[in-house]
Amino acid sequence: MIEQAAAAALVGTTRLLVGARAHWQGPPPDGQCLYFANHSSHLDTMAIWSALDPTQRARTRPVAARDYWDKPGLRGYVAGRVLRAVLIERRREERDGDPLVPVIEALRGGDSLILFPEGTRTAEQLPQRFRGGLFRLAEEFPALQLVPAYLDTLHRSMPKGAHVPLPLYCTVRFGEALPRVDGEPRDSFLERAREAVVALA
């Protein structure tokens, strides 16, 4: 009950600060999804999560950097108990084996996930080149629905280095699930996925 109340408070606060309203190009998908989006702010995770409806939100977990979110206090509580984040190691020196193992385990368990394929935040309006993790997950889970999303103002509301967001209204635009192409090369898939996000801008 405490976590449910905290989740409701987090959604309410996020929507109060930046709006985080969902705009779907088509009907919201049913079943297990991997939402992938541009990444320019620490608010991105909470904006996408808050934009989902309660049923979607209950089964969706963000993939997040352990070095930022796995901290004592409020941040660690929100990541671990409210968002139920899947934490991965970004820094090579901290990795012990395959960094995608927790992500793969979460998908095998039936969770939907939020992923930022750039791997880190940028100050740019449009996403940079996607890293290969998205391709690997798409290959390993062929039934997974790959849903592009674009956050339209958070690069200005809370850019890298900022600690307090500016109250700029943000819409989370969700596109239709990315179609599968049999035998598609890795680089072609990643560019097509990136273009699906860019198209929502």
C-alpha atoms as a PDB file:
ATOM      1  CA  MET A   1       0.000   0.000   0.000  1.00  0.00           C
ATOM      2  CA  ILE A   2       2.827   2.401   0.806  1.00  0.00           C
ATOM      3  CA  GLU A   3       4.403   1.790  -2.615  1.00  0.00           C
ATOM      4  CA  GLN A   4       1.035   2.289  -4.338  1.00  0.00           C
ATOM      5  CA  ALA A   5       0.576   5.620  -2.578  1.00  0.00           C
ATOM      6  CA  ALA A   6       4.135   6.607  -3.470  1.00  0.00           C
ATOM      7  CA  ALA A   7       3.532   5.657  -7.116  1.00  0.00           C
ATOM      8  CA  ALA A   8       0.378   7.781  -7.247  1.00  0.00           C
ATOM      9  CA  ALA A   9       2.249  10.688  -5.668  1.00  0.00           C
ATOM     10  CA  LEU A  10       5.111  10.296  -8.171  1.00  0.00           C
ATOM     11  CA  VAL A  11       2.731  10.292 -11.137  1.00  0.00           C
ATOM     12  CA  GLY A  12       0.871  13.314  -9.775  1.00  0.00           C
ATOM     13  CA  THR A  13       4.072  15.260  -9.133  1.00  0.00           C
ATOM     14  CA  THR A  14       5.498  14.436 -12.566  1.00  0.00           C
ATOM     15  CA  ARG A  15       2.313  15.527 -14.300  1.00  0.00           C
ATOM     16  CA  LEU A  16       2.177  18.703 -12.221  1.00  0.00           C
ATOM     17  CA  LEU A  17       5.774  19.593 -13.129  1.00  0.00           C
ATOM     18  CA  VAL A  18       5.932  18.677 -16.819  1.00  0.00           C
ATOM     19  CA  GLY A  19       2.545  17.364 -17.898  1.00  0.00           C
ATOM     20  CA  ALA A  20       3.724  13.963 -19.167  1.00  0.00           C
ATOM     21  CA  ARG A  21       0.529  13.336 -21.112  1.00  0.00           C
ATOM     22  CA  ALA A  22       0.392  10.477 -23.585  1.00  0.00           C
ATOM     23  CA  HIS A  23      -0.407  10.917 -27.268  1.00  0.00           C
ATOM     24  CA  TRP A  24      -0.800   7.617 -29.123  1.00  0.00           C
ATOM     25  CA  GLN A  25      -0.602   7.435 -32.905  1.00  0.00           C
ATOM     26  CA  GLY A  26      -2.771   4.338 -32.787  1.00  0.00           C
ATOM     27  CA  PRO A  27      -4.497   2.282 -30.093  1.00  0.00           C
ATOM     28  CA  PRO A  28      -2.210   1.462 -27.151  1.00  0.00           C
ATOM     29  CA  PRO A  29      -0.725  -2.015 -27.617  1.00  0.00           C
ATOM     30  CA  ASP A  30      -1.765  -5.025 -25.618  1.00  0.00           C
ATOM     31  CA  GLY A  31       0.741  -7.493 -24.265  1.00  0.00           C
ATOM     32  CA  GLN A  32       4.422  -7.207 -23.460  1.00  0.00           C
ATOM     33  CA  CYS A  33       6.140  -4.069 -24.779  1.00  0.00           C
ATOM     34  CA  LEU A  34       9.565  -2.529 -24.951  1.00  0.00           C
ATOM     35  CA  TYR A  35       9.151   1.257 -25.060  1.00  0.00           C
ATOM     36  CA  PHE A  36      12.262   2.926 -26.498  1.00  0.00           C
ATOM     37  CA  ALA A  37      12.780   6.685 -26.558  1.00  0.00           C
ATOM     38  CA  ASN A  38      15.130   9.641 -26.822  1.00  0.00           C
ATOM     39  CA  HIS A  39      16.990  10.519 -23.616  1.00  0.00           C
ATOM     40  CA  SER A  40      17.851  14.056 -22.530  1.00  0.00           C
ATOM     41  CA  SER A  41      16.799  14.318 -18.882  1.00  0.00           C
ATOM     42  CA  HIS A  42      16.589  12.436 -15.600  1.00  0.00           C
ATOM     43  CA  LEU A  43      12.851  13.100 -15.831  1.00  0.00           C
ATOM     44  CA  ASP A  44      12.517  10.997 -19.003  1.00  0.00           C
ATOM     45  CA  THR A  45      11.994   7.751 -17.106  1.00  0.00           C
ATOM     46  CA  MET A  46       9.293   9.187 -14.862  1.00  0.00           C
ATOM     47  CA  ALA A  47       7.604  11.028 -17.750  1.00  0.00           C
ATOM     48  CA  ILE A  48       7.155   7.878 -19.858  1.00  0.00           C
ATOM     49  CA  TRP A  49       6.141   5.771 -16.854  1.00  0.00           C
ATOM     50  CA  SER A  50       3.634   8.412 -15.728  1.00  0.00           C
ATOM     51  CA  ALA A  51       2.197   8.745 -19.249  1.00  0.00           C
ATOM     52  CA  LEU A  52       1.174   5.085 -19.331  1.00  0.00           C
ATOM     53  CA  ASP A  53      -2.273   4.139 -18.090  1.00  0.00           C
ATOM     54  CA  PRO A  54      -2.448   2.377 -14.698  1.00  0.00           C
ATOM     55  CA  THR A  55      -2.694  -1.115 -16.219  1.00  0.00           C
ATOM     56  CA  GLN A  56       0.333  -0.554 -18.458  1.00  0.00           C
ATOM     57  CA  ARG A  57       2.249   1.131 -15.657  1.00  0.00           C
ATOM     58  CA  ALA A  58       1.723  -1.791 -13.271  1.00  0.00           C
ATOM     59  CA  ARG A  59       3.580  -4.167 -15.592  1.00  0.00           C
ATOM     60  CA  THR A  60       6.227  -1.746 -16.919  1.00  0.00           C
ATOM     61  CA  ARG A  61       9.699  -1.273 -15.444  1.00  0.00           C
ATOM     62  CA  PRO A  62      12.361   1.215 -16.581  1.00  0.00           C
ATOM     63  CA  VAL A  63      15.881   0.096 -17.430  1.00  0.00           C
ATOM     64  CA  ALA A  64      18.144   2.474 -15.522  1.00  0.00           C
ATOM     65  CA  ALA A  65      21.797   3.091 -14.724  1.00  0.00           C
ATOM     66  CA  ARG A  66      22.850   1.561 -11.410  1.00  0.00           C
ATOM     67  CA  ASP A  67      25.459   4.269 -10.766  1.00  0.00           C
ATOM     68  CA  TYR A  68      22.747   6.968 -10.731  1.00  0.00           C
ATOM     69  CA  TRP A  69      19.666   5.241  -9.312  1.00  0.00           C
ATOM     70  CA  ASP A  70      21.111   2.747  -6.824  1.00  0.00           C
ATOM     71  CA  LYS A  71      21.663   5.290  -4.059  1.00  0.00           C
ATOM     72  CA  PRO A  72      20.594   5.391  -0.413  1.00  0.00           C
ATOM     73  CA  GLY A  73      17.643   7.592   0.420  1.00  0.00           C
ATOM     74  CA  LEU A  74      14.736   8.793  -1.709  1.00  0.00           C
ATOM     75  CA  ARG A  75      16.293   8.109  -5.118  1.00  0.00           C
ATOM     76  CA  GLY A  76      17.064   4.490  -4.307  1.00  0.00           C
ATOM     77  CA  TYR A  77      13.613   3.989  -2.769  1.00  0.00           C
ATOM     78  CA  VAL A  78      11.867   5.364  -5.853  1.00  0.00           C
ATOM     79  CA  ALA A  79      13.995   3.229  -8.180  1.00  0.00           C
ATOM     80  CA  GLY A  80      13.741   0.018  -6.203  1.00  0.00           C
ATOM     81  CA  ARG A  81      10.318   0.049  -4.577  1.00  0.00           C
ATOM     82  CA  VAL A  82       8.177   2.375  -6.716  1.00  0.00           C
ATOM     83  CA  LEU A  83       9.503   2.134 -10.281  1.00  0.00           C
ATOM     84  CA  ARG A  84      10.936  -1.391  -9.714  1.00  0.00           C
ATOM     85  CA  ALA A  85      13.741  -0.354 -12.053  1.00  0.00           C
ATOM     86  CA  VAL A  86      15.943  -2.902 -13.789  1.00  0.00           C
ATOM     87  CA  LEU A  87      19.400  -1.623 -12.896  1.00  0.00           C
ATOM     88  CA  ILE A  88      22.345  -2.158 -15.237  1.00  0.00           C
ATOM     89  CA  GLU A  89      26.012  -1.259 -15.084  1.00  0.00           C
ATOM     90  CA  ARG A  90      27.090   1.408 -17.588  1.00  0.00           C
ATOM     91  CA  ARG A  91      30.748   1.557 -16.607  1.00  0.00           C
ATOM     92  CA  ARG A  92      32.941  -1.199 -17.973  1.00  0.00           C
ATOM     93  CA  GLU A  93      35.065  -1.329 -14.829  1.00  0.00           C
ATOM     94  CA  GLU A  94      31.957  -2.131 -12.740  1.00  0.00           C
ATOM     95  CA  ARG A  95      30.589  -4.865 -14.999  1.00  0.00           C
ATOM     96  CA  ASP A  96      30.713  -8.509 -14.038  1.00  0.00           C
ATOM     97  CA  GLY A  97      29.672 -10.364 -17.175  1.00  0.00           C
ATOM     98  CA  ASP A  98      26.848  -9.446 -19.525  1.00  0.00           C
ATOM     99  CA  PRO A  99      25.199  -6.118 -18.532  1.00  0.00           C
ATOM    100  CA  LEU A 100      21.932  -7.119 -20.250  1.00  0.00           C
ATOM    101  CA  VAL A 101      21.325 -10.169 -18.051  1.00  0.00           C
ATOM    102  CA  PRO A 102      18.928  -8.312 -15.665  1.00  0.00           C
ATOM    103  CA  VAL A 103      17.023  -6.932 -18.676  1.00  0.00           C
ATOM    104  CA  ILE A 104      16.700 -10.363 -20.265  1.00  0.00           C
ATOM    105  CA  GLU A 105      15.532 -11.861 -16.967  1.00  0.00           C
ATOM    106  CA  ALA A 106      12.867  -9.152 -16.622  1.00  0.00           C
ATOM    107  CA  LEU A 107      11.596  -9.809 -20.145  1.00  0.00           C
ATOM    108  CA  ARG A 108      11.540 -13.561 -19.529  1.00  0.00           C
ATOM    109  CA  GLY A 109       9.468 -12.823 -16.435  1.00  0.00           C
ATOM    110  CA  GLY A 110       6.859 -11.070 -18.579  1.00  0.00           C
ATOM    111  CA  ASP A 111       7.600  -7.450 -17.669  1.00  0.00           C
ATOM    112  CA  SER A 112       7.323  -4.606 -20.148  1.00  0.00           C
ATOM    113  CA  LEU A 113      10.310  -2.263 -20.128  1.00  0.00           C
ATOM    114  CA  ILE A 114      11.330   1.327 -20.855  1.00  0.00           C
ATOM    115  CA  LEU A 115      14.722   1.604 -22.578  1.00  0.00           C
ATOM    116  CA  PHE A 116      16.848   4.500 -23.825  1.00  0.00           C
ATOM    117  CA  PRO A 117      18.940   3.020 -26.660  1.00  0.00           C
ATOM    118  CA  GLU A 118      21.362   5.962 -26.810  1.00  0.00           C
ATOM    119  CA  GLY A 119      22.773   4.669 -23.544  1.00  0.00           C
ATOM    120  CA  THR A 120      23.224   8.106 -21.992  1.00  0.00           C
ATOM    121  CA  ARG A 121      21.584  11.522 -21.930  1.00  0.00           C
ATOM    122  CA  THR A 122      22.318  14.133 -24.583  1.00  0.00           C
ATOM    123  CA  ALA A 123      21.441  17.816 -24.863  1.00  0.00           C
ATOM    124  CA  GLU A 124      20.155  17.371 -28.405  1.00  0.00           C
ATOM    125  CA  GLN A 125      16.524  17.502 -29.455  1.00  0.00           C
ATOM    126  CA  LEU A 126      16.879  14.394 -31.623  1.00  0.00           C
ATOM    127  CA  PRO A 127      18.353  11.067 -30.499  1.00  0.00           C
ATOM    128  CA  GLN A 128      21.921  10.142 -31.270  1.00  0.00           C
ATOM    129  CA  ARG A 129      23.007   6.815 -32.740  1.00  0.00           C
ATOM    130  CA  PHE A 130      21.411   3.829 -30.994  1.00  0.00           C
ATOM    131  CA  ARG A 131      23.559   1.208 -29.318  1.00  0.00           C
ATOM    132  CA  GLY A 132      23.202  -2.486 -30.087  1.00  0.00           C
ATOM    133  CA  GLY A 133      21.281  -3.631 -27.002  1.00  0.00           C
ATOM    134  CA  LEU A 134      17.919  -2.885 -28.588  1.00  0.00           C
ATOM    135  CA  PHE A 135      18.740  -5.116 -31.553  1.00  0.00           C
ATOM    136  CA  ARG A 136      19.837  -7.953 -29.301  1.00  0.00           C
ATOM    137  CA  LEU A 137      16.637  -7.825 -27.270  1.00  0.00           C
ATOM    138  CA  ALA A 138      14.509  -7.644 -30.419  1.00  0.00           C
ATOM    139  CA  GLU A 139      16.272 -10.727 -31.757  1.00  0.00           C
ATOM    140  CA  GLU A 140      15.961 -12.700 -28.529  1.00  0.00           C
ATOM    141  CA  PHE A 141      12.285 -11.846 -27.955  1.00  0.00           C
ATOM    142  CA  PRO A 142      10.535 -11.956 -31.348  1.00  0.00           C
ATOM    143  CA  ALA A 143       7.030 -11.589 -29.837  1.00  0.00           C
ATOM    144  CA  LEU A 144       7.992  -8.416 -27.938  1.00  0.00           C
ATOM    145  CA  GLN A 145       6.237  -5.282 -29.197  1.00  0.00           C
ATOM    146  CA  LEU A 146       8.818  -2.547 -29.880  1.00  0.00           C
ATOM    147  CA  VAL A 147       7.073   0.766 -29.257  1.00  0.00           C
ATOM    148  CA  PRO A 148       8.897   4.028 -30.139  1.00  0.00           C
ATOM    149  CA  ALA A 149       8.305   7.090 -27.975  1.00  0.00           C
ATOM    150  CA  TYR A 150       9.434  10.714 -28.105  1.00  0.00           C
ATOM    151  CA  LEU A 151       9.625  13.233 -25.253  1.00  0.00           C
ATOM    152  CA  ASP A 152       9.211  16.656 -26.771  1.00  0.00           C
ATOM    153  CA  THR A 153      10.446  19.281 -24.284  1.00  0.00           C
ATOM    154  CA  LEU A 154      12.379  17.621 -21.477  1.00  0.00           C
ATOM    155  CA  HIS A 155      15.711  18.460 -23.136  1.00  0.00           C
ATOM    156  CA  ARG A 156      14.825  22.068 -22.192  1.00  0.00           C
ATOM    157  CA  SER A 157      12.861  21.438 -18.990  1.00  0.00           C
ATOM    158  CA  MET A 158      15.625  19.526 -17.197  1.00  0.00           C
ATOM    159  CA  PRO A 159      18.755  19.252 -19.327  1.00  0.00           C
ATOM    160  CA  LYS A 160      21.904  17.452 -18.260  1.00  0.00           C
ATOM    161  CA  GLY A 161      23.378  19.151 -15.190  1.00  0.00           C
ATOM    162  CA  ALA A 162      20.097  20.728 -14.029  1.00  0.00           C
ATOM    163  CA  HIS A 163      18.691  19.831 -10.605  1.00  0.00           C
ATOM    164  CA  VAL A 164      15.301  21.566 -10.719  1.00  0.00           C
ATOM    165  CA  PRO A 165      12.984  21.242 -13.756  1.00  0.00           C
ATOM    166  CA  LEU A 166      11.523  24.233 -15.524  1.00  0.00           C
ATOM    167  CA  PRO A 167       7.719  23.903 -15.731  1.00  0.00           C
ATOM    168  CA  LEU A 168       7.488  23.201 -19.465  1.00  0.00           C
ATOM    169  CA  TYR A 169       4.613  21.054 -20.703  1.00  0.00           C
ATOM    170  CA  CYS A 170       5.778  17.722 -22.100  1.00  0.00           C
ATOM    171  CA  THR A 171       3.824  15.338 -24.299  1.00  0.00           C
ATOM    172  CA  VAL A 172       5.006  11.751 -24.601  1.00  0.00           C
ATOM    173  CA  ARG A 173       4.276  10.692 -28.166  1.00  0.00           C
ATOM    174  CA  PHE A 174       3.968   6.944 -28.696  1.00  0.00           C
ATOM    175  CA  GLY A 175       4.190   5.493 -32.187  1.00  0.00           C
ATOM    176  CA  GLU A 176       2.923   2.225 -33.555  1.00  0.00           C
ATOM    177  CA  ALA A 177       4.989  -0.853 -32.800  1.00  0.00           C
ATOM    178  CA  LEU A 178       8.042  -1.199 -35.035  1.00  0.00           C
ATOM    179  CA  PRO A 179       7.446  -3.882 -37.691  1.00  0.00           C
ATOM    180  CA  ARG A 180       9.814  -6.842 -37.777  1.00  0.00           C
ATOM    181  CA  VAL A 181      11.929  -7.518 -40.867  1.00  0.00           C
ATOM    182  CA  ASP A 182      13.272 -11.050 -41.183  1.00  0.00           C
ATOM    183  CA  GLY A 183      17.045 -11.187 -41.466  1.00  0.00           C
ATOM    184  CA  GLU A 184      17.471  -7.426 -41.090  1.00  0.00           C
ATOM    185  CA  PRO A 185      21.110  -6.440 -40.384  1.00  0.00           C
ATOM    186  CA  ARG A 186      21.881  -4.921 -36.987  1.00  0.00           C
ATOM    187  CA  ASP A 187      22.837  -1.451 -38.230  1.00  0.00           C
ATOM    188  CA  SER A 188      19.808  -1.247 -40.509  1.00  0.00           C
ATOM    189  CA  PHE A 189      17.485  -2.196 -37.666  1.00  0.00           C
ATOM    190  CA  LEU A 190      19.023   0.329 -35.265  1.00  0.00           C
ATOM    191  CA  GLU A 191      18.745   3.156 -37.773  1.00  0.00           C
ATOM    192  CA  ARG A 192      15.156   2.230 -38.577  1.00  0.00           C
ATOM    193  CA  ALA A 193      14.346   2.204 -34.845  1.00  0.00           C
ATOM    194  CA  ARG A 194      15.991   5.599 -34.408  1.00  0.00           C
ATOM    195  CA  GLU A 195      14.047   7.013 -37.351  1.00  0.00           C
ATOM    196  CA  ALA A 196      10.819   5.772 -35.768  1.00  0.00           C
ATOM    197  CA  VAL A 197      11.599   7.957 -32.735  1.00  0.00           C
ATOM    198  CA  VAL A 198      12.690  10.909 -34.899  1.00  0.00           C
ATOM    199  CA  ALA A 199       9.438  10.690 -36.881  1.00  0.00           C
ATOM    200  CA  LEU A 200       7.501  11.372 -33.665  1.00  0.00           C
ATOM    201  CA  ALA A 201       9.357  14.667 -33.183  1.00  0.00           C
END
